[in-house]
Amino acid sequence: MAEASLDGLIDALRRLPGVGQKSAQRMAFHLLQHDRAGAGRLAAALQQALARMRHCARCHTFTEHEVCATCTDVQRDSRLLCVVETPADQAALERSASYRGHYFVLMGRISPLDGVGVKDIGAHQLLDRACDGVVAEVIFATGFSAEGEATAHVLGEALRARGLKVTRLARGVPAGSELEYVDLSTIAHALVDRR
């Protein structure tokens, strides 16, 4: 069953993270067989987002405007700047409703094996933003993978050299967990970080 339109749809769906050939095929058949209206809505939403969404001039998250609503919110603490890898990370922090500062979205992380260096993740823009004379503390909320740690370390050192206070998102044993079920690296980091 080699139909160019169907193959094109399956190939397009495979571009989504975590979607392989079989999942893409199931999605394509479902949309075409059971939810053509949903497929139309999906296509229209994608086209609208592609046409309207761009990067915020201050923090690099996605927005329809020159500067996003978070950056223009006067209720936020302009002295705090939280650095995250992706807009999804920013959204997760926002859902917690516990951080009221501003953000800078790197749109990636340093990964030498993938050919991604400091220049590829907006380090220059971060340095300009953090050294604007208003920011007093930069909080790194990058992932705890080797790449996320390297990103926080390299950029953190550059910011410390410019006289800024640099902190890292806390990590440790999750609240409400049983110690016997927590992985060993989490326990080790919690013990080291408590000093």
C-alpha atoms as a PDB file:
ATOM      1  CA  MET A   1       0.000   0.000   0.000  1.00  0.00           C
ATOM      2  CA  ALA A   2       2.330   2.733  -1.252  1.00  0.00           C
ATOM      3  CA  GLU A   3       0.335   5.967  -1.292  1.00  0.00           C
ATOM      4  CA  ALA A   4       2.456   9.108  -1.398  1.00  0.00           C
ATOM      5  CA  SER A   5       0.091  11.205   0.765  1.00  0.00           C
ATOM      6  CA  LEU A   6      -0.193   8.524   3.437  1.00  0.00           C
ATOM      7  CA  ASP A   7       3.553   7.894   3.432  1.00  0.00           C
ATOM      8  CA  GLY A   8       4.152  11.646   3.734  1.00  0.00           C
ATOM      9  CA  LEU A   9       1.804  11.890   6.737  1.00  0.00           C
ATOM     10  CA  ILE A  10       3.460   8.924   8.456  1.00  0.00           C
ATOM     11  CA  ASP A  11       6.909  10.363   7.809  1.00  0.00           C
ATOM     12  CA  ALA A  12       5.813  13.753   9.193  1.00  0.00           C
ATOM     13  CA  LEU A  13       4.411  12.151  12.367  1.00  0.00           C
ATOM     14  CA  ARG A  14       7.670  10.241  12.879  1.00  0.00           C
ATOM     15  CA  ARG A  15       9.435  13.577  13.374  1.00  0.00           C
ATOM     16  CA  LEU A  16       7.745  13.879  16.785  1.00  0.00           C
ATOM     17  CA  PRO A  17       9.896  12.763  19.738  1.00  0.00           C
ATOM     18  CA  GLY A  18       9.270   9.178  20.801  1.00  0.00           C
ATOM     19  CA  VAL A  19       7.164   8.347  17.751  1.00  0.00           C
ATOM     20  CA  GLY A  20       8.414   5.431  15.715  1.00  0.00           C
ATOM     21  CA  GLN A  21       7.143   3.901  12.492  1.00  0.00           C
ATOM     22  CA  LYS A  22       4.305   1.860  14.052  1.00  0.00           C
ATOM     23  CA  SER A  23       3.048   4.670  16.293  1.00  0.00           C
ATOM     24  CA  ALA A  24       3.111   7.131  13.376  1.00  0.00           C
ATOM     25  CA  GLN A  25       1.213   4.644  11.239  1.00  0.00           C
ATOM     26  CA  ARG A  26      -1.445   4.143  13.962  1.00  0.00           C
ATOM     27  CA  MET A  27      -1.857   7.908  14.357  1.00  0.00           C
ATOM     28  CA  ALA A  28      -2.154   8.456  10.619  1.00  0.00           C
ATOM     29  CA  PHE A  29      -4.757   5.711  10.179  1.00  0.00           C
ATOM     30  CA  HIS A  30      -6.698   6.939  13.206  1.00  0.00           C
ATOM     31  CA  LEU A  31      -6.818  10.526  11.940  1.00  0.00           C
ATOM     32  CA  LEU A  32      -7.831   9.494   8.432  1.00  0.00           C
ATOM     33  CA  GLN A  33     -10.338   6.825   9.451  1.00  0.00           C
ATOM     34  CA  HIS A  34     -11.883   8.085  12.691  1.00  0.00           C
ATOM     35  CA  ASP A  35     -11.114  11.775  13.144  1.00  0.00           C
ATOM     36  CA  ARG A  36     -10.836  13.702   9.900  1.00  0.00           C
ATOM     37  CA  ALA A  37     -12.168  16.820  11.657  1.00  0.00           C
ATOM     38  CA  GLY A  38      -9.441  16.444  14.292  1.00  0.00           C
ATOM     39  CA  ALA A  39      -6.862  16.032  11.557  1.00  0.00           C
ATOM     40  CA  GLY A  40      -8.044  19.276   9.986  1.00  0.00           C
ATOM     41  CA  ARG A  41      -7.867  21.059  13.348  1.00  0.00           C
ATOM     42  CA  LEU A  42      -4.366  19.674  13.918  1.00  0.00           C
ATOM     43  CA  ALA A  43      -3.196  20.848  10.494  1.00  0.00           C
ATOM     44  CA  ALA A  44      -4.722  24.310  10.988  1.00  0.00           C
ATOM     45  CA  ALA A  45      -3.244  24.656  14.493  1.00  0.00           C
ATOM     46  CA  LEU A  46       0.212  23.695  13.221  1.00  0.00           C
ATOM     47  CA  GLN A  47       0.009  26.192  10.376  1.00  0.00           C
ATOM     48  CA  GLN A  48      -1.216  28.948  12.694  1.00  0.00           C
ATOM     49  CA  ALA A  49       1.526  28.261  15.245  1.00  0.00           C
ATOM     50  CA  LEU A  50       4.207  28.214  12.554  1.00  0.00           C
ATOM     51  CA  ALA A  51       2.955  31.506  11.140  1.00  0.00           C
ATOM     52  CA  ARG A  52       2.543  33.335  14.467  1.00  0.00           C
ATOM     53  CA  MET A  53       5.004  31.931  17.002  1.00  0.00           C
ATOM     54  CA  ARG A  54       8.516  33.303  17.369  1.00  0.00           C
ATOM     55  CA  HIS A  55      11.174  33.661  20.052  1.00  0.00           C
ATOM     56  CA  CYS A  56      10.809  36.317  22.746  1.00  0.00           C
ATOM     57  CA  ALA A  57      13.410  39.044  22.274  1.00  0.00           C
ATOM     58  CA  ARG A  58      14.337  38.895  25.985  1.00  0.00           C
ATOM     59  CA  CYS A  59      14.109  35.269  27.118  1.00  0.00           C
ATOM     60  CA  HIS A  60      13.866  33.204  23.891  1.00  0.00           C
ATOM     61  CA  THR A  61      10.719  31.291  24.831  1.00  0.00           C
ATOM     62  CA  PHE A  62       7.925  30.994  22.274  1.00  0.00           C
ATOM     63  CA  THR A  63       5.474  33.870  21.955  1.00  0.00           C
ATOM     64  CA  GLU A  64       3.236  35.577  19.422  1.00  0.00           C
ATOM     65  CA  HIS A  65       4.633  38.984  20.434  1.00  0.00           C
ATOM     66  CA  GLU A  66       8.028  40.663  20.373  1.00  0.00           C
ATOM     67  CA  VAL A  67       8.319  40.151  24.151  1.00  0.00           C
ATOM     68  CA  CYS A  68       6.407  37.414  25.988  1.00  0.00           C
ATOM     69  CA  ALA A  69       3.879  37.943  28.783  1.00  0.00           C
ATOM     70  CA  THR A  70       6.287  36.602  31.420  1.00  0.00           C
ATOM     71  CA  CYS A  71       8.960  39.153  30.525  1.00  0.00           C
ATOM     72  CA  THR A  72       6.470  42.036  30.591  1.00  0.00           C
ATOM     73  CA  ASP A  73       4.876  40.991  33.898  1.00  0.00           C
ATOM     74  CA  VAL A  74       5.741  43.803  36.336  1.00  0.00           C
ATOM     75  CA  GLN A  75       4.837  41.573  39.315  1.00  0.00           C
ATOM     76  CA  ARG A  76       7.899  39.389  38.672  1.00  0.00           C
ATOM     77  CA  ASP A  77      11.216  39.852  40.455  1.00  0.00           C
ATOM     78  CA  SER A  78      13.600  41.273  37.838  1.00  0.00           C
ATOM     79  CA  ARG A  79      16.608  40.487  40.039  1.00  0.00           C
ATOM     80  CA  LEU A  80      16.112  36.718  39.500  1.00  0.00           C
ATOM     81  CA  LEU A  81      16.870  34.991  36.205  1.00  0.00           C
ATOM     82  CA  CYS A  82      16.218  31.258  35.857  1.00  0.00           C
ATOM     83  CA  VAL A  83      18.041  29.510  33.003  1.00  0.00           C
ATOM     84  CA  VAL A  84      16.277  26.494  31.473  1.00  0.00           C
ATOM     85  CA  GLU A  85      17.003  24.302  28.469  1.00  0.00           C
ATOM     86  CA  THR A  86      13.603  24.388  26.750  1.00  0.00           C
ATOM     87  CA  PRO A  87      10.224  26.155  26.815  1.00  0.00           C
ATOM     88  CA  ALA A  88       8.814  22.872  28.204  1.00  0.00           C
ATOM     89  CA  ASP A  89      11.141  23.215  31.212  1.00  0.00           C
ATOM     90  CA  GLN A  90       9.940  26.787  31.704  1.00  0.00           C
ATOM     91  CA  ALA A  91       6.315  25.612  31.548  1.00  0.00           C
ATOM     92  CA  ALA A  92       7.024  22.959  34.201  1.00  0.00           C
ATOM     93  CA  LEU A  93       8.501  25.560  36.561  1.00  0.00           C
ATOM     94  CA  GLU A  94       5.552  27.872  35.936  1.00  0.00           C
ATOM     95  CA  ARG A  95       3.089  25.084  36.795  1.00  0.00           C
ATOM     96  CA  SER A  96       4.771  24.786  40.190  1.00  0.00           C
ATOM     97  CA  ALA A  97       3.714  28.407  40.919  1.00  0.00           C
ATOM     98  CA  SER A  98       6.733  28.747  43.225  1.00  0.00           C
ATOM     99  CA  TYR A  99       9.060  30.896  41.103  1.00  0.00           C
ATOM    100  CA  ARG A 100       8.256  34.552  40.392  1.00  0.00           C
ATOM    101  CA  GLY A 101      11.398  35.761  38.627  1.00  0.00           C
ATOM    102  CA  HIS A 102      12.255  35.927  34.933  1.00  0.00           C
ATOM    103  CA  TYR A 103      13.623  33.239  32.593  1.00  0.00           C
ATOM    104  CA  PHE A 104      16.173  32.668  29.886  1.00  0.00           C
ATOM    105  CA  VAL A 105      15.540  29.685  27.588  1.00  0.00           C
ATOM    106  CA  LEU A 106      18.715  28.262  26.047  1.00  0.00           C
ATOM    107  CA  MET A 107      16.883  26.151  23.441  1.00  0.00           C
ATOM    108  CA  GLY A 108      19.325  23.338  24.079  1.00  0.00           C
ATOM    109  CA  ARG A 109      22.354  22.325  26.083  1.00  0.00           C
ATOM    110  CA  ILE A 110      26.040  21.826  25.470  1.00  0.00           C
ATOM    111  CA  SER A 111      26.602  18.428  23.881  1.00  0.00           C
ATOM    112  CA  PRO A 112      30.022  17.994  22.256  1.00  0.00           C
ATOM    113  CA  LEU A 113      29.112  14.519  20.961  1.00  0.00           C
ATOM    114  CA  ASP A 114      26.225  16.068  19.027  1.00  0.00           C
ATOM    115  CA  GLY A 115      28.313  19.023  17.873  1.00  0.00           C
ATOM    116  CA  VAL A 116      26.457  21.523  20.100  1.00  0.00           C
ATOM    117  CA  GLY A 117      28.760  24.061  21.692  1.00  0.00           C
ATOM    118  CA  VAL A 118      28.384  27.155  23.849  1.00  0.00           C
ATOM    119  CA  LYS A 119      27.703  29.414  20.848  1.00  0.00           C
ATOM    120  CA  ASP A 120      24.902  27.117  19.637  1.00  0.00           C
ATOM    121  CA  ILE A 121      22.751  27.568  22.753  1.00  0.00           C
ATOM    122  CA  GLY A 122      22.620  31.348  23.010  1.00  0.00           C
ATOM    123  CA  ALA A 123      25.371  31.842  25.593  1.00  0.00           C
ATOM    124  CA  HIS A 124      26.200  35.318  24.290  1.00  0.00           C
ATOM    125  CA  GLN A 125      22.551  36.414  24.598  1.00  0.00           C
ATOM    126  CA  LEU A 126      22.391  34.948  28.117  1.00  0.00           C
ATOM    127  CA  LEU A 127      25.493  36.881  29.191  1.00  0.00           C
ATOM    128  CA  ASP A 128      24.039  40.104  27.773  1.00  0.00           C
ATOM    129  CA  ARG A 129      20.692  39.500  29.491  1.00  0.00           C
ATOM    130  CA  ALA A 130      22.194  38.520  32.861  1.00  0.00           C
ATOM    131  CA  CYS A 131      24.612  41.433  32.895  1.00  0.00           C
ATOM    132  CA  ASP A 132      21.941  44.084  32.292  1.00  0.00           C
ATOM    133  CA  GLY A 133      22.570  45.713  35.678  1.00  0.00           C
ATOM    134  CA  VAL A 134      19.240  44.515  37.112  1.00  0.00           C
ATOM    135  CA  VAL A 135      19.798  40.764  37.484  1.00  0.00           C
ATOM    136  CA  ALA A 136      21.444  39.861  40.803  1.00  0.00           C
ATOM    137  CA  GLU A 137      21.118  36.056  40.798  1.00  0.00           C
ATOM    138  CA  VAL A 138      21.077  33.477  38.020  1.00  0.00           C
ATOM    139  CA  ILE A 139      19.493  30.126  38.864  1.00  0.00           C
ATOM    140  CA  PHE A 140      20.408  27.212  36.609  1.00  0.00           C
ATOM    141  CA  ALA A 141      17.509  24.787  36.183  1.00  0.00           C
ATOM    142  CA  THR A 142      19.124  22.691  33.471  1.00  0.00           C
ATOM    143  CA  GLY A 143      18.764  18.920  33.562  1.00  0.00           C
ATOM    144  CA  PHE A 144      20.916  16.728  35.765  1.00  0.00           C
ATOM    145  CA  SER A 145      22.315  14.806  32.799  1.00  0.00           C
ATOM    146  CA  ALA A 146      26.007  15.132  31.958  1.00  0.00           C
ATOM    147  CA  GLU A 147      25.130  17.680  29.265  1.00  0.00           C
ATOM    148  CA  GLY A 148      22.882  19.698  31.588  1.00  0.00           C
ATOM    149  CA  GLU A 149      25.527  19.721  34.311  1.00  0.00           C
ATOM    150  CA  ALA A 150      28.223  20.805  31.827  1.00  0.00           C
ATOM    151  CA  THR A 151      25.975  23.571  30.525  1.00  0.00           C
ATOM    152  CA  ALA A 152      25.285  24.884  34.039  1.00  0.00           C
ATOM    153  CA  HIS A 153      28.976  24.690  34.963  1.00  0.00           C
ATOM    154  CA  VAL A 154      30.387  26.435  31.885  1.00  0.00           C
ATOM    155  CA  LEU A 155      27.785  29.203  31.790  1.00  0.00           C
ATOM    156  CA  GLY A 156      27.794  29.553  35.573  1.00  0.00           C
ATOM    157  CA  GLU A 157      31.553  30.129  35.638  1.00  0.00           C
ATOM    158  CA  ALA A 158      31.241  32.789  32.937  1.00  0.00           C
ATOM    159  CA  LEU A 159      28.535  34.569  34.958  1.00  0.00           C
ATOM    160  CA  ARG A 160      30.461  34.305  38.252  1.00  0.00           C
ATOM    161  CA  ALA A 161      33.440  35.907  36.516  1.00  0.00           C
ATOM    162  CA  ARG A 162      31.155  38.872  35.811  1.00  0.00           C
ATOM    163  CA  GLY A 163      30.249  39.208  39.492  1.00  0.00           C
ATOM    164  CA  LEU A 164      26.828  37.574  39.477  1.00  0.00           C
ATOM    165  CA  LYS A 165      25.524  35.194  42.128  1.00  0.00           C
ATOM    166  CA  VAL A 166      24.968  31.801  40.492  1.00  0.00           C
ATOM    167  CA  THR A 167      22.904  29.010  42.045  1.00  0.00           C
ATOM    168  CA  ARG A 168      21.691  25.616  40.883  1.00  0.00           C
ATOM    169  CA  LEU A 169      18.257  24.056  41.124  1.00  0.00           C
ATOM    170  CA  ALA A 170      18.186  21.836  44.209  1.00  0.00           C
ATOM    171  CA  ARG A 171      18.132  18.082  43.879  1.00  0.00           C
ATOM    172  CA  GLY A 172      17.825  15.236  46.301  1.00  0.00           C
ATOM    173  CA  VAL A 173      15.464  12.693  47.734  1.00  0.00           C
ATOM    174  CA  PRO A 174      11.880  13.381  46.593  1.00  0.00           C
ATOM    175  CA  ALA A 175       9.379  14.316  49.306  1.00  0.00           C
ATOM    176  CA  GLY A 176       7.195  11.393  50.356  1.00  0.00           C
ATOM    177  CA  SER A 177       9.497   8.753  48.898  1.00  0.00           C
ATOM    178  CA  GLU A 178      10.796   5.644  50.604  1.00  0.00           C
ATOM    179  CA  LEU A 179      14.581   5.784  50.830  1.00  0.00           C
ATOM    180  CA  GLU A 180      14.994   2.139  49.870  1.00  0.00           C
ATOM    181  CA  TYR A 181      13.401   2.856  46.446  1.00  0.00           C
ATOM    182  CA  VAL A 182      15.409   5.987  45.603  1.00  0.00           C
ATOM    183  CA  ASP A 183      18.207   5.422  43.080  1.00  0.00           C
ATOM    184  CA  LEU A 184      21.731   5.482  44.471  1.00  0.00           C
ATOM    185  CA  SER A 185      22.960   8.494  42.490  1.00  0.00           C
ATOM    186  CA  THR A 186      20.135  10.629  43.919  1.00  0.00           C
ATOM    187  CA  ILE A 187      21.063   9.591  47.449  1.00  0.00           C
ATOM    188  CA  ALA A 188      24.750  10.256  46.783  1.00  0.00           C
ATOM    189  CA  HIS A 189      24.040  13.736  45.404  1.00  0.00           C
ATOM    190  CA  ALA A 190      21.741  14.528  48.315  1.00  0.00           C
ATOM    191  CA  LEU A 191      24.464  13.591  50.799  1.00  0.00           C
ATOM    192  CA  VAL A 192      27.139  15.604  48.988  1.00  0.00           C
ATOM    193  CA  ASP A 193      24.877  18.648  48.431  1.00  0.00           C
ATOM    194  CA  ARG A 194      23.898  18.889  52.112  1.00  0.00           C
ATOM    195  CA  ARG A 195      27.415  19.995  53.115  1.00  0.00           C
END
